[in-house]
C-alpha cells in the first residue's frame, strides 16, 4: 500500500527494500516548489 500527497502524484514514487532496511523516494519532473528538506519517518500503526 502506498499513499501520496496530491502535489506529487504521478511524479514521485515511494518504495522499500526490507532486505536492505531502506526506503526510497524517486522524484521525477521536479519543480522549484519541491525545494525543501526531506525527512523520512517510521510509524507502528497502519494509516487510512
ModelCIF file with pLDDT and N, C-alpha, C, O atoms, coordinates in Angstrom:
data_MODEL
#
_entry.id   MODEL 
#
_entity.id                         1 
_entity.type                       polymer 
_entity.pdbx_number_of_molecules   1 
#
_entity_poly.entity_id                      1 
_entity_poly.type                           'polypeptide(L)' 
_entity_poly.nstd_linkage                   no 
_entity_poly.nstd_monomer                   no 
_entity_poly.pdbx_seq_one_letter_code       
;(UNK)(UNK)(UNK)(UNK)(UNK)(UNK)(UNK)(UNK)(UNK)(UNK)(UNK)(UNK)(UNK)(UNK)(UNK)(UNK)
(UNK)(UNK)(UNK)(UNK)(UNK)(UNK)(UNK)(UNK)(UNK)(UNK)(UNK)(UNK)(UNK)(UNK)(UNK)(UNK)
(UNK)(UNK)(UNK)(UNK)(UNK)(UNK)(UNK)(UNK)(UNK)(UNK)(UNK)(UNK)(UNK)(UNK)(UNK)(UNK)
;
_entity_poly.pdbx_seq_one_letter_code_can   XXXXXXXXXXXXXXXXXXXXXXXXXXXXXXXXXXXXXXXXXXXXXXXX 
_entity_poly.pdbx_strand_id                 A 
#
loop_
_entity_poly_seq.entity_id 
_entity_poly_seq.num 
_entity_poly_seq.mon_id 
_entity_poly_seq.hetero 
1 1  UNK n 
1 2  UNK n 
1 3  UNK n 
1 4  UNK n 
1 5  UNK n 
1 6  UNK n 
1 7  UNK n 
1 8  UNK n 
1 9  UNK n 
1 10 UNK n 
1 11 UNK n 
1 12 UNK n 
1 13 UNK n 
1 14 UNK n 
1 15 UNK n 
1 16 UNK n 
1 17 UNK n 
1 18 UNK n 
1 19 UNK n 
1 20 UNK n 
1 21 UNK n 
1 22 UNK n 
1 23 UNK n 
1 24 UNK n 
1 25 UNK n 
1 26 UNK n 
1 27 UNK n 
1 28 UNK n 
1 29 UNK n 
1 30 UNK n 
1 31 UNK n 
1 32 UNK n 
1 33 UNK n 
1 34 UNK n 
1 35 UNK n 
1 36 UNK n 
1 37 UNK n 
1 38 UNK n 
1 39 UNK n 
1 40 UNK n 
1 41 UNK n 
1 42 UNK n 
1 43 UNK n 
1 44 UNK n 
1 45 UNK n 
1 46 UNK n 
1 47 UNK n 
1 48 UNK n 
#
_struct_asym.id          A 
_struct_asym.entity_id   1 
#
loop_
_ma_qa_metric.id 
_ma_qa_metric.mode 
_ma_qa_metric.name 
_ma_qa_metric.software_group_id 
_ma_qa_metric.type 
1 global pLDDT . pLDDT 
2 local  pLDDT . pLDDT 
#
_ma_qa_metric_global.metric_id      1 
_ma_qa_metric_global.metric_value   96.02 
_ma_qa_metric_global.model_id       1 
_ma_qa_metric_global.ordinal_id     1 
#
loop_
_ma_qa_metric_local.label_asym_id 
_ma_qa_metric_local.label_comp_id 
_ma_qa_metric_local.label_seq_id 
_ma_qa_metric_local.metric_id 
_ma_qa_metric_local.metric_value 
_ma_qa_metric_local.model_id 
_ma_qa_metric_local.ordinal_id 
A UNK 1  2 94.00 1 1  
A UNK 2  2 96.00 1 2  
A UNK 3  2 96.00 1 3  
A UNK 4  2 97.00 1 4  
A UNK 5  2 97.00 1 5  
A UNK 6  2 97.00 1 6  
A UNK 7  2 97.00 1 7  
A UNK 8  2 98.00 1 8  
A UNK 9  2 98.00 1 9  
A UNK 10 2 97.00 1 10 
A UNK 11 2 98.00 1 11 
A UNK 12 2 98.00 1 12 
A UNK 13 2 98.00 1 13 
A UNK 14 2 98.00 1 14 
A UNK 15 2 97.00 1 15 
A UNK 16 2 95.00 1 16 
A UNK 17 2 94.00 1 17 
A UNK 18 2 92.00 1 18 
A UNK 19 2 92.00 1 19 
A UNK 20 2 93.00 1 20 
A UNK 21 2 93.00 1 21 
A UNK 22 2 95.00 1 22 
A UNK 23 2 97.00 1 23 
A UNK 24 2 98.00 1 24 
A UNK 25 2 98.00 1 25 
A UNK 26 2 98.00 1 26 
A UNK 27 2 98.00 1 27 
A UNK 28 2 98.00 1 28 
A UNK 29 2 98.00 1 29 
A UNK 30 2 98.00 1 30 
A UNK 31 2 98.00 1 31 
A UNK 32 2 97.00 1 32 
A UNK 33 2 97.00 1 33 
A UNK 34 2 98.00 1 34 
A UNK 35 2 98.00 1 35 
A UNK 36 2 98.00 1 36 
A UNK 37 2 98.00 1 37 
A UNK 38 2 98.00 1 38 
A UNK 39 2 98.00 1 39 
A UNK 40 2 97.00 1 40 
A UNK 41 2 97.00 1 41 
A UNK 42 2 96.00 1 42 
A UNK 43 2 95.00 1 43 
A UNK 44 2 92.00 1 44 
A UNK 45 2 89.00 1 45 
A UNK 46 2 90.00 1 46 
A UNK 47 2 92.00 1 47 
A UNK 48 2 88.00 1 48 
#
loop_
_atom_site.group_PDB 
_atom_site.id 
_atom_site.type_symbol 
_atom_site.label_atom_id 
_atom_site.label_alt_id 
_atom_site.label_comp_id 
_atom_site.label_asym_id 
_atom_site.label_entity_id 
_atom_site.label_seq_id 
_atom_site.pdbx_PDB_ins_code 
_atom_site.Cartn_x 
_atom_site.Cartn_y 
_atom_site.Cartn_z 
_atom_site.occupancy 
_atom_site.B_iso_or_equiv 
_atom_site.pdbx_formal_charge 
_atom_site.auth_seq_id 
_atom_site.auth_comp_id 
_atom_site.auth_asym_id 
_atom_site.auth_atom_id 
_atom_site.pdbx_PDB_model_num 
ATOM 1   N N  . UNK A 1 1  ? 0.846  -1.193 0.000   1.00 94.00 ? 1  UNK A N  1 
ATOM 2   C CA . UNK A 1 1  ? 0.000  0.000  0.000   1.00 94.00 ? 1  UNK A CA 1 
ATOM 3   C C  . UNK A 1 1  ? 0.879  1.240  0.000   1.00 94.00 ? 1  UNK A C  1 
ATOM 4   O O  . UNK A 1 1  ? 1.845  1.339  0.756   1.00 94.00 ? 1  UNK A O  1 
ATOM 5   N N  . UNK A 1 2  ? 0.525  2.179  -0.860  1.00 96.00 ? 2  UNK A N  1 
ATOM 6   C CA . UNK A 1 2  ? 1.222  3.458  -0.906  1.00 96.00 ? 2  UNK A CA 1 
ATOM 7   C C  . UNK A 1 2  ? 0.208  4.594  -0.912  1.00 96.00 ? 2  UNK A C  1 
ATOM 8   O O  . UNK A 1 2  ? -0.958 4.410  -1.261  1.00 96.00 ? 2  UNK A O  1 
ATOM 9   N N  . UNK A 1 3  ? 0.673  5.751  -0.525  1.00 96.00 ? 3  UNK A N  1 
ATOM 10  C CA . UNK A 1 3  ? -0.208 6.915  -0.449  1.00 96.00 ? 3  UNK A CA 1 
ATOM 11  C C  . UNK A 1 3  ? 0.628  8.147  -0.746  1.00 96.00 ? 3  UNK A C  1 
ATOM 12  O O  . UNK A 1 3  ? 1.765  8.265  -0.290  1.00 96.00 ? 3  UNK A O  1 
ATOM 13  N N  . UNK A 1 4  ? 0.045  9.075  -1.526  1.00 97.00 ? 4  UNK A N  1 
ATOM 14  C CA . UNK A 1 4  ? 0.802  10.255 -1.959  1.00 97.00 ? 4  UNK A CA 1 
ATOM 15  C C  . UNK A 1 4  ? 0.006  11.525 -1.718  1.00 97.00 ? 4  UNK A C  1 
ATOM 16  O O  . UNK A 1 4  ? -1.223 11.537 -1.776  1.00 97.00 ? 4  UNK A O  1 
ATOM 17  N N  . UNK A 1 5  ? 0.734  12.576 -1.449  1.00 97.00 ? 5  UNK A N  1 
ATOM 18  C CA . UNK A 1 5  ? 0.124  13.898 -1.452  1.00 97.00 ? 5  UNK A CA 1 
ATOM 19  C C  . UNK A 1 5  ? -0.259 14.243 -2.882  1.00 97.00 ? 5  UNK A C  1 
ATOM 20  O O  . UNK A 1 5  ? 0.417  13.831 -3.825  1.00 97.00 ? 5  UNK A O  1 
ATOM 21  N N  . UNK A 1 6  ? -1.330 14.989 -3.047  1.00 97.00 ? 6  UNK A N  1 
ATOM 22  C CA . UNK A 1 6  ? -1.795 15.346 -4.387  1.00 97.00 ? 6  UNK A CA 1 
ATOM 23  C C  . UNK A 1 6  ? -0.715 16.076 -5.175  1.00 97.00 ? 6  UNK A C  1 
ATOM 24  O O  . UNK A 1 6  ? -0.632 15.937 -6.395  1.00 97.00 ? 6  UNK A O  1 
ATOM 25  N N  . UNK A 1 7  ? 0.101  16.846 -4.488  1.00 97.00 ? 7  UNK A N  1 
ATOM 26  C CA . UNK A 1 7  ? 1.100  17.678 -5.164  1.00 97.00 ? 7  UNK A CA 1 
ATOM 27  C C  . UNK A 1 7  ? 2.201  16.863 -5.827  1.00 97.00 ? 7  UNK A C  1 
ATOM 28  O O  . UNK A 1 7  ? 2.918  17.383 -6.682  1.00 97.00 ? 7  UNK A O  1 
ATOM 29  N N  . UNK A 1 8  ? 2.349  15.600 -5.452  1.00 98.00 ? 8  UNK A N  1 
ATOM 30  C CA . UNK A 1 8  ? 3.431  14.802 -6.023  1.00 98.00 ? 8  UNK A CA 1 
ATOM 31  C C  . UNK A 1 8  ? 2.933  13.571 -6.788  1.00 98.00 ? 8  UNK A C  1 
ATOM 32  O O  . UNK A 1 8  ? 3.738  12.837 -7.361  1.00 98.00 ? 8  UNK A O  1 
ATOM 33  N N  . UNK A 1 9  ? 1.647  13.343 -6.803  1.00 98.00 ? 9  UNK A N  1 
ATOM 34  C CA . UNK A 1 9  ? 1.101  12.181 -7.507  1.00 98.00 ? 9  UNK A CA 1 
ATOM 35  C C  . UNK A 1 9  ? 1.509  12.198 -8.964  1.00 98.00 ? 9  UNK A C  1 
ATOM 36  O O  . UNK A 1 9  ? 1.426  13.224 -9.639  1.00 98.00 ? 9  UNK A O  1 
ATOM 37  N N  . UNK A 1 10 ? 1.955  11.036 -9.443  1.00 97.00 ? 10 UNK A N  1 
ATOM 38  C CA . UNK A 1 10 ? 2.361  10.926 -10.838 1.00 97.00 ? 10 UNK A CA 1 
ATOM 39  C C  . UNK A 1 10 ? 3.794  11.349 -11.087 1.00 97.00 ? 10 UNK A C  1 
ATOM 40  O O  . UNK A 1 10 ? 4.327  11.109 -12.170 1.00 97.00 ? 10 UNK A O  1 
ATOM 41  N N  . UNK A 1 11 ? 4.431  11.977 -10.102 1.00 98.00 ? 11 UNK A N  1 
ATOM 42  C CA . UNK A 1 11 ? 5.824  12.419 -10.264 1.00 98.00 ? 11 UNK A CA 1 
ATOM 43  C C  . UNK A 1 11 ? 6.768  11.686 -9.312  1.00 98.00 ? 11 UNK A C  1 
ATOM 44  O O  . UNK A 1 11 ? 7.909  11.391 -9.667  1.00 98.00 ? 11 UNK A O  1 
ATOM 45  N N  . UNK A 1 12 ? 6.292  11.397 -8.110  1.00 98.00 ? 12 UNK A N  1 
ATOM 46  C CA . UNK A 1 12 ? 7.120  10.743 -7.094  1.00 98.00 ? 12 UNK A CA 1 
ATOM 47  C C  . UNK A 1 12 ? 6.654  9.306  -6.909  1.00 98.00 ? 12 UNK A C  1 
ATOM 48  O O  . UNK A 1 12 ? 5.472  8.996  -7.054  1.00 98.00 ? 12 UNK A O  1 
ATOM 49  N N  . UNK A 1 13 ? 7.611  8.430  -6.584  1.00 98.00 ? 13 UNK A N  1 
ATOM 50  C CA . UNK A 1 13 ? 7.301  7.032  -6.293  1.00 98.00 ? 13 UNK A CA 1 
ATOM 51  C C  . UNK A 1 13 ? 8.060  6.595  -5.038  1.00 98.00 ? 13 UNK A C  1 
ATOM 52  O O  . UNK A 1 13 ? 9.279  6.742  -4.948  1.00 98.00 ? 13 UNK A O  1 
ATOM 53  N N  . UNK A 1 14 ? 7.320  6.063  -4.088  1.00 98.00 ? 14 UNK A N  1 
ATOM 54  C CA . UNK A 1 14 ? 7.937  5.542  -2.867  1.00 98.00 ? 14 UNK A CA 1 
ATOM 55  C C  . UNK A 1 14 ? 8.042  4.033  -2.985  1.00 98.00 ? 14 UNK A C  1 
ATOM 56  O O  . UNK A 1 14 ? 7.144  3.380  -3.517  1.00 98.00 ? 14 UNK A O  1 
ATOM 57  N N  . UNK A 1 15 ? 9.135  3.486  -2.490  1.00 97.00 ? 15 UNK A N  1 
ATOM 58  C CA . UNK A 1 15 ? 9.328  2.040  -2.497  1.00 97.00 ? 15 UNK A CA 1 
ATOM 59  C C  . UNK A 1 15 ? 10.196 1.667  -1.299  1.00 97.00 ? 15 UNK A C  1 
ATOM 60  O O  . UNK A 1 15 ? 10.758 2.532  -0.629  1.00 97.00 ? 15 UNK A O  1 
ATOM 61  N N  . UNK A 1 16 ? 10.294 0.371  -1.045  1.00 95.00 ? 16 UNK A N  1 
ATOM 62  C CA . UNK A 1 16 ? 11.136 -0.059 0.059   1.00 95.00 ? 16 UNK A CA 1 
ATOM 63  C C  . UNK A 1 16 ? 11.740 -1.421 -0.248  1.00 95.00 ? 16 UNK A C  1 
ATOM 64  O O  . UNK A 1 16 ? 11.170 -2.223 -0.989  1.00 95.00 ? 16 UNK A O  1 
ATOM 65  N N  . UNK A 1 17 ? 12.895 -1.661 0.332   1.00 94.00 ? 17 UNK A N  1 
ATOM 66  C CA . UNK A 1 17 ? 13.562 -2.948 0.232   1.00 94.00 ? 17 UNK A CA 1 
ATOM 67  C C  . UNK A 1 17 ? 13.835 -3.395 1.663   1.00 94.00 ? 17 UNK A C  1 
ATOM 68  O O  . UNK A 1 17 ? 14.789 -2.938 2.292   1.00 94.00 ? 17 UNK A O  1 
ATOM 69  N N  . UNK A 1 18 ? 13.003 -4.280 2.166   1.00 92.00 ? 18 UNK A N  1 
ATOM 70  C CA . UNK A 1 18 ? 13.121 -4.682 3.570   1.00 92.00 ? 18 UNK A CA 1 
ATOM 71  C C  . UNK A 1 18 ? 14.393 -5.485 3.824   1.00 92.00 ? 18 UNK A C  1 
ATOM 72  O O  . UNK A 1 18 ? 14.909 -5.491 4.942   1.00 92.00 ? 18 UNK A O  1 
ATOM 73  N N  . UNK A 1 19 ? 14.896 -6.156 2.805   1.00 92.00 ? 19 UNK A N  1 
ATOM 74  C CA . UNK A 1 19 ? 16.145 -6.910 2.972   1.00 92.00 ? 19 UNK A CA 1 
ATOM 75  C C  . UNK A 1 19 ? 17.319 -5.961 3.209   1.00 92.00 ? 19 UNK A C  1 
ATOM 76  O O  . UNK A 1 19 ? 18.312 -6.326 3.838   1.00 92.00 ? 19 UNK A O  1 
ATOM 77  N N  . UNK A 1 20 ? 17.186 -4.741 2.694   1.00 93.00 ? 20 UNK A N  1 
ATOM 78  C CA . UNK A 1 20 ? 18.242 -3.742 2.863   1.00 93.00 ? 20 UNK A CA 1 
ATOM 79  C C  . UNK A 1 20 ? 17.891 -2.686 3.901   1.00 93.00 ? 20 UNK A C  1 
ATOM 80  O O  . UNK A 1 20 ? 18.646 -1.737 4.113   1.00 93.00 ? 20 UNK A O  1 
ATOM 81  N N  . UNK A 1 21 ? 16.743 -2.855 4.545   1.00 93.00 ? 21 UNK A N  1 
ATOM 82  C CA . UNK A 1 21 ? 16.306 -1.864 5.541   1.00 93.00 ? 21 UNK A CA 1 
ATOM 83  C C  . UNK A 1 21 ? 16.315 -0.446 4.971   1.00 93.00 ? 21 UNK A C  1 
ATOM 84  O O  . UNK A 1 21 ? 16.778 0.487  5.628   1.00 93.00 ? 21 UNK A O  1 
ATOM 85  N N  . UNK A 1 22 ? 15.814 -0.289 3.779   1.00 95.00 ? 22 UNK A N  1 
ATOM 86  C CA . UNK A 1 22 ? 15.887 1.004  3.098   1.00 95.00 ? 22 UNK A CA 1 
ATOM 87  C C  . UNK A 1 22 ? 14.563 1.340  2.437   1.00 95.00 ? 22 UNK A C  1 
ATOM 88  O O  . UNK A 1 22 ? 13.902 0.476  1.862   1.00 95.00 ? 22 UNK A O  1 
ATOM 89  N N  . UNK A 1 23 ? 14.192 2.595  2.527   1.00 97.00 ? 23 UNK A N  1 
ATOM 90  C CA . UNK A 1 23 ? 13.034 3.105  1.801   1.00 97.00 ? 23 UNK A CA 1 
ATOM 91  C C  . UNK A 1 23 ? 13.532 4.197  0.852   1.00 97.00 ? 23 UNK A C  1 
ATOM 92  O O  . UNK A 1 23 ? 14.471 4.931  1.163   1.00 97.00 ? 23 UNK A O  1 
ATOM 93  N N  . UNK A 1 24 ? 12.889 4.287  -0.301  1.00 98.00 ? 24 UNK A N  1 
ATOM 94  C CA . UNK A 1 24 ? 13.334 5.198  -1.350  1.00 98.00 ? 24 UNK A CA 1 
ATOM 95  C C  . UNK A 1 24 ? 12.215 6.161  -1.733  1.00 98.00 ? 24 UNK A C  1 
ATOM 96  O O  . UNK A 1 24 ? 11.032 5.882  -1.539  1.00 98.00 ? 24 UNK A O  1 
ATOM 97  N N  . UNK A 1 25 ? 12.618 7.280  -2.270  1.00 98.00 ? 25 UNK A N  1 
ATOM 98  C CA . UNK A 1 25 ? 11.679 8.212  -2.874  1.00 98.00 ? 25 UNK A CA 1 
ATOM 99  C C  . UNK A 1 25 ? 12.265 8.657  -4.214  1.00 98.00 ? 25 UNK A C  1 
ATOM 100 O O  . UNK A 1 25 ? 13.201 9.454  -4.267  1.00 98.00 ? 25 UNK A O  1 
ATOM 101 N N  . UNK A 1 26 ? 11.700 8.131  -5.279  1.00 98.00 ? 26 UNK A N  1 
ATOM 102 C CA . UNK A 1 26 ? 12.102 8.533  -6.630  1.00 98.00 ? 26 UNK A CA 1 
ATOM 103 C C  . UNK A 1 26 ? 11.309 9.771  -7.007  1.00 98.00 ? 26 UNK A C  1 
ATOM 104 O O  . UNK A 1 26 ? 10.079 9.752  -7.013  1.00 98.00 ? 26 UNK A O  1 
ATOM 105 N N  . UNK A 1 27 ? 12.008 10.832 -7.317  1.00 98.00 ? 27 UNK A N  1 
ATOM 106 C CA . UNK A 1 27 ? 11.359 12.111 -7.629  1.00 98.00 ? 27 UNK A CA 1 
ATOM 107 C C  . UNK A 1 27 ? 11.686 12.502 -9.056  1.00 98.00 ? 27 UNK A C  1 
ATOM 108 O O  . UNK A 1 27 ? 12.846 12.741 -9.393  1.00 98.00 ? 27 UNK A O  1 
ATOM 109 N N  . UNK A 1 28 ? 10.667 12.566 -9.890  1.00 98.00 ? 28 UNK A N  1 
ATOM 110 C CA . UNK A 1 28 ? 10.817 12.941 -11.293 1.00 98.00 ? 28 UNK A CA 1 
ATOM 111 C C  . UNK A 1 28 ? 10.079 14.243 -11.571 1.00 98.00 ? 28 UNK A C  1 
ATOM 112 O O  . UNK A 1 28 ? 9.246  14.684 -10.778 1.00 98.00 ? 28 UNK A O  1 
ATOM 113 N N  . UNK A 1 29 ? 10.393 14.841 -12.692 1.00 98.00 ? 29 UNK A N  1 
ATOM 114 C CA . UNK A 1 29 ? 9.745  16.091 -13.108 1.00 98.00 ? 29 UNK A CA 1 
ATOM 115 C C  . UNK A 1 29 ? 9.729  17.099 -11.968 1.00 98.00 ? 29 UNK A C  1 
ATOM 116 O O  . UNK A 1 29 ? 8.692  17.683 -11.654 1.00 98.00 ? 29 UNK A O  1 
ATOM 117 N N  . UNK A 1 30 ? 10.865 17.290 -11.369 1.00 98.00 ? 30 UNK A N  1 
ATOM 118 C CA . UNK A 1 30 ? 10.947 18.161 -10.201 1.00 98.00 ? 30 UNK A CA 1 
ATOM 119 C C  . UNK A 1 30 ? 10.648 19.611 -10.558 1.00 98.00 ? 30 UNK A C  1 
ATOM 120 O O  . UNK A 1 30 ? 10.966 20.080 -11.650 1.00 98.00 ? 30 UNK A O  1 
ATOM 121 N N  . UNK A 1 31 ? 10.031 20.304 -9.611  1.00 98.00 ? 31 UNK A N  1 
ATOM 122 C CA . UNK A 1 31 ? 9.642  21.692 -9.769  1.00 98.00 ? 31 UNK A CA 1 
ATOM 123 C C  . UNK A 1 31 ? 10.323 22.525 -8.679  1.00 98.00 ? 31 UNK A C  1 
ATOM 124 O O  . UNK A 1 31 ? 10.684 21.987 -7.632  1.00 98.00 ? 31 UNK A O  1 
ATOM 125 N N  . UNK A 1 32 ? 10.499 23.799 -8.906  1.00 97.00 ? 32 UNK A N  1 
ATOM 126 C CA . UNK A 1 32 ? 11.092 24.645 -7.859  1.00 97.00 ? 32 UNK A CA 1 
ATOM 127 C C  . UNK A 1 32 ? 10.334 24.560 -6.537  1.00 97.00 ? 32 UNK A C  1 
ATOM 128 O O  . UNK A 1 32 ? 10.939 24.672 -5.470  1.00 97.00 ? 32 UNK A O  1 
ATOM 129 N N  . UNK A 1 33 ? 9.031  24.365 -6.596  1.00 97.00 ? 33 UNK A N  1 
ATOM 130 C CA . UNK A 1 33 ? 8.240  24.278 -5.363  1.00 97.00 ? 33 UNK A CA 1 
ATOM 131 C C  . UNK A 1 33 ? 8.467  22.980 -4.597  1.00 97.00 ? 33 UNK A C  1 
ATOM 132 O O  . UNK A 1 33 ? 7.946  22.813 -3.495  1.00 97.00 ? 33 UNK A O  1 
ATOM 133 N N  . UNK A 1 34 ? 9.241  22.058 -5.172  1.00 98.00 ? 34 UNK A N  1 
ATOM 134 C CA . UNK A 1 34 ? 9.620  20.844 -4.443  1.00 98.00 ? 34 UNK A CA 1 
ATOM 135 C C  . UNK A 1 34 ? 10.830 21.087 -3.544  1.00 98.00 ? 34 UNK A C  1 
ATOM 136 O O  . UNK A 1 34 ? 11.213 20.210 -2.769  1.00 98.00 ? 34 UNK A O  1 
ATOM 137 N N  . UNK A 1 35 ? 11.421 22.253 -3.641  1.00 98.00 ? 35 UNK A N  1 
ATOM 138 C CA . UNK A 1 35 ? 12.574 22.578 -2.808  1.00 98.00 ? 35 UNK A CA 1 
ATOM 139 C C  . UNK A 1 35 ? 12.206 22.539 -1.329  1.00 98.00 ? 35 UNK A C  1 
ATOM 140 O O  . UNK A 1 35 ? 11.272 23.210 -0.891  1.00 98.00 ? 35 UNK A O  1 
ATOM 141 N N  . UNK A 1 36 ? 12.953 21.747 -0.571  1.00 98.00 ? 36 UNK A N  1 
ATOM 142 C CA . UNK A 1 36 ? 12.659 21.567 0.853   1.00 98.00 ? 36 UNK A CA 1 
ATOM 143 C C  . UNK A 1 36 ? 13.693 20.632 1.465   1.00 98.00 ? 36 UNK A C  1 
ATOM 144 O O  . UNK A 1 36 ? 14.496 20.021 0.759   1.00 98.00 ? 36 UNK A O  1 
ATOM 145 N N  . UNK A 1 37 ? 13.658 20.534 2.773   1.00 98.00 ? 37 UNK A N  1 
ATOM 146 C CA . UNK A 1 37 ? 14.369 19.466 3.462   1.00 98.00 ? 37 UNK A CA 1 
ATOM 147 C C  . UNK A 1 37 ? 13.414 18.280 3.537   1.00 98.00 ? 37 UNK A C  1 
ATOM 148 O O  . UNK A 1 37 ? 12.274 18.413 3.983   1.00 98.00 ? 37 UNK A O  1 
ATOM 149 N N  . UNK A 1 38 ? 13.889 17.124 3.098   1.00 98.00 ? 38 UNK A N  1 
ATOM 150 C CA . UNK A 1 38 ? 13.060 15.926 3.062   1.00 98.00 ? 38 UNK A CA 1 
ATOM 151 C C  . UNK A 1 38 ? 13.451 14.996 4.217   1.00 98.00 ? 38 UNK A C  1 
ATOM 152 O O  . UNK A 1 38 ? 14.628 14.719 4.446   1.00 98.00 ? 38 UNK A O  1 
ATOM 153 N N  . UNK A 1 39 ? 12.440 14.532 4.924   1.00 98.00 ? 39 UNK A N  1 
ATOM 154 C CA . UNK A 1 39 ? 12.629 13.666 6.076   1.00 98.00 ? 39 UNK A CA 1 
ATOM 155 C C  . UNK A 1 39 ? 11.915 12.331 5.863   1.00 98.00 ? 39 UNK A C  1 
ATOM 156 O O  . UNK A 1 39 ? 10.807 12.284 5.329   1.00 98.00 ? 39 UNK A O  1 
ATOM 157 N N  . UNK A 1 40 ? 12.561 11.257 6.285   1.00 97.00 ? 40 UNK A N  1 
ATOM 158 C CA . UNK A 1 40 ? 11.824 10.004 6.350   1.00 97.00 ? 40 UNK A CA 1 
ATOM 159 C C  . UNK A 1 40 ? 11.444 9.744  7.804   1.00 97.00 ? 40 UNK A C  1 
ATOM 160 O O  . UNK A 1 40 ? 12.089 10.231 8.733   1.00 97.00 ? 40 UNK A O  1 
ATOM 161 N N  . UNK A 1 41 ? 10.400 8.978  7.970   1.00 97.00 ? 41 UNK A N  1 
ATOM 162 C CA . UNK A 1 41 ? 9.859  8.735  9.300   1.00 97.00 ? 41 UNK A CA 1 
ATOM 163 C C  . UNK A 1 41 ? 9.202  7.359  9.354   1.00 97.00 ? 41 UNK A C  1 
ATOM 164 O O  . UNK A 1 41 ? 8.802  6.805  8.330   1.00 97.00 ? 41 UNK A O  1 
ATOM 165 N N  . UNK A 1 42 ? 9.100  6.823  10.560  1.00 96.00 ? 42 UNK A N  1 
ATOM 166 C CA . UNK A 1 42 ? 8.541  5.486  10.747  1.00 96.00 ? 42 UNK A CA 1 
ATOM 167 C C  . UNK A 1 42 ? 7.414  5.524  11.772  1.00 96.00 ? 42 UNK A C  1 
ATOM 168 O O  . UNK A 1 42 ? 7.487  6.244  12.768  1.00 96.00 ? 42 UNK A O  1 
ATOM 169 N N  . UNK A 1 43 ? 6.371  4.738  11.515  1.00 95.00 ? 43 UNK A N  1 
ATOM 170 C CA . UNK A 1 43 ? 5.261  4.638  12.454  1.00 95.00 ? 43 UNK A CA 1 
ATOM 171 C C  . UNK A 1 43 ? 4.879  3.177  12.627  1.00 95.00 ? 43 UNK A C  1 
ATOM 172 O O  . UNK A 1 43 ? 5.073  2.360  11.727  1.00 95.00 ? 43 UNK A O  1 
ATOM 173 N N  . UNK A 1 44 ? 4.340  2.861  13.784  1.00 92.00 ? 44 UNK A N  1 
ATOM 174 C CA . UNK A 1 44 ? 3.983  1.470  14.080  1.00 92.00 ? 44 UNK A CA 1 
ATOM 175 C C  . UNK A 1 44 ? 2.596  1.107  13.583  1.00 92.00 ? 44 UNK A C  1 
ATOM 176 O O  . UNK A 1 44 ? 2.298  -0.066 13.361  1.00 92.00 ? 44 UNK A O  1 
ATOM 177 N N  . UNK A 1 45 ? 1.747  2.111  13.408  1.00 89.00 ? 45 UNK A N  1 
ATOM 178 C CA . UNK A 1 45 ? 0.362  1.840  13.039  1.00 89.00 ? 45 UNK A CA 1 
ATOM 179 C C  . UNK A 1 45 ? 0.170  1.970  11.538  1.00 89.00 ? 45 UNK A C  1 
ATOM 180 O O  . UNK A 1 45 ? 0.929  2.665  10.862  1.00 89.00 ? 45 UNK A O  1 
ATOM 181 N N  . UNK A 1 46 ? -0.854 1.292  11.021  1.00 90.00 ? 46 UNK A N  1 
ATOM 182 C CA . UNK A 1 46 ? -1.171 1.381  9.594   1.00 90.00 ? 46 UNK A CA 1 
ATOM 183 C C  . UNK A 1 46 ? -2.259 2.436  9.398   1.00 90.00 ? 46 UNK A C  1 
ATOM 184 O O  . UNK A 1 46 ? -3.360 2.304  9.932   1.00 90.00 ? 46 UNK A O  1 
ATOM 185 N N  . UNK A 1 47 ? -1.949 3.468  8.640   1.00 92.00 ? 47 UNK A N  1 
ATOM 186 C CA . UNK A 1 47 ? -2.914 4.566  8.475   1.00 92.00 ? 47 UNK A CA 1 
ATOM 187 C C  . UNK A 1 47 ? -3.935 4.317  7.384   1.00 92.00 ? 47 UNK A C  1 
ATOM 188 O O  . UNK A 1 47 ? -3.751 3.475  6.504   1.00 92.00 ? 47 UNK A O  1 
ATOM 189 N N  . UNK A 1 48 ? -5.009 5.070  7.469   1.00 88.00 ? 48 UNK A N  1 
ATOM 190 C CA . UNK A 1 48 ? -6.056 5.024  6.451   1.00 88.00 ? 48 UNK A CA 1 
ATOM 191 C C  . UNK A 1 48 ? -6.326 6.438  5.985   1.00 88.00 ? 48 UNK A C  1 
ATOM 192 O O  . UNK A 1 48 ? -7.177 6.652  5.122   1.00 88.00 ? 48 UNK A O  1 
#
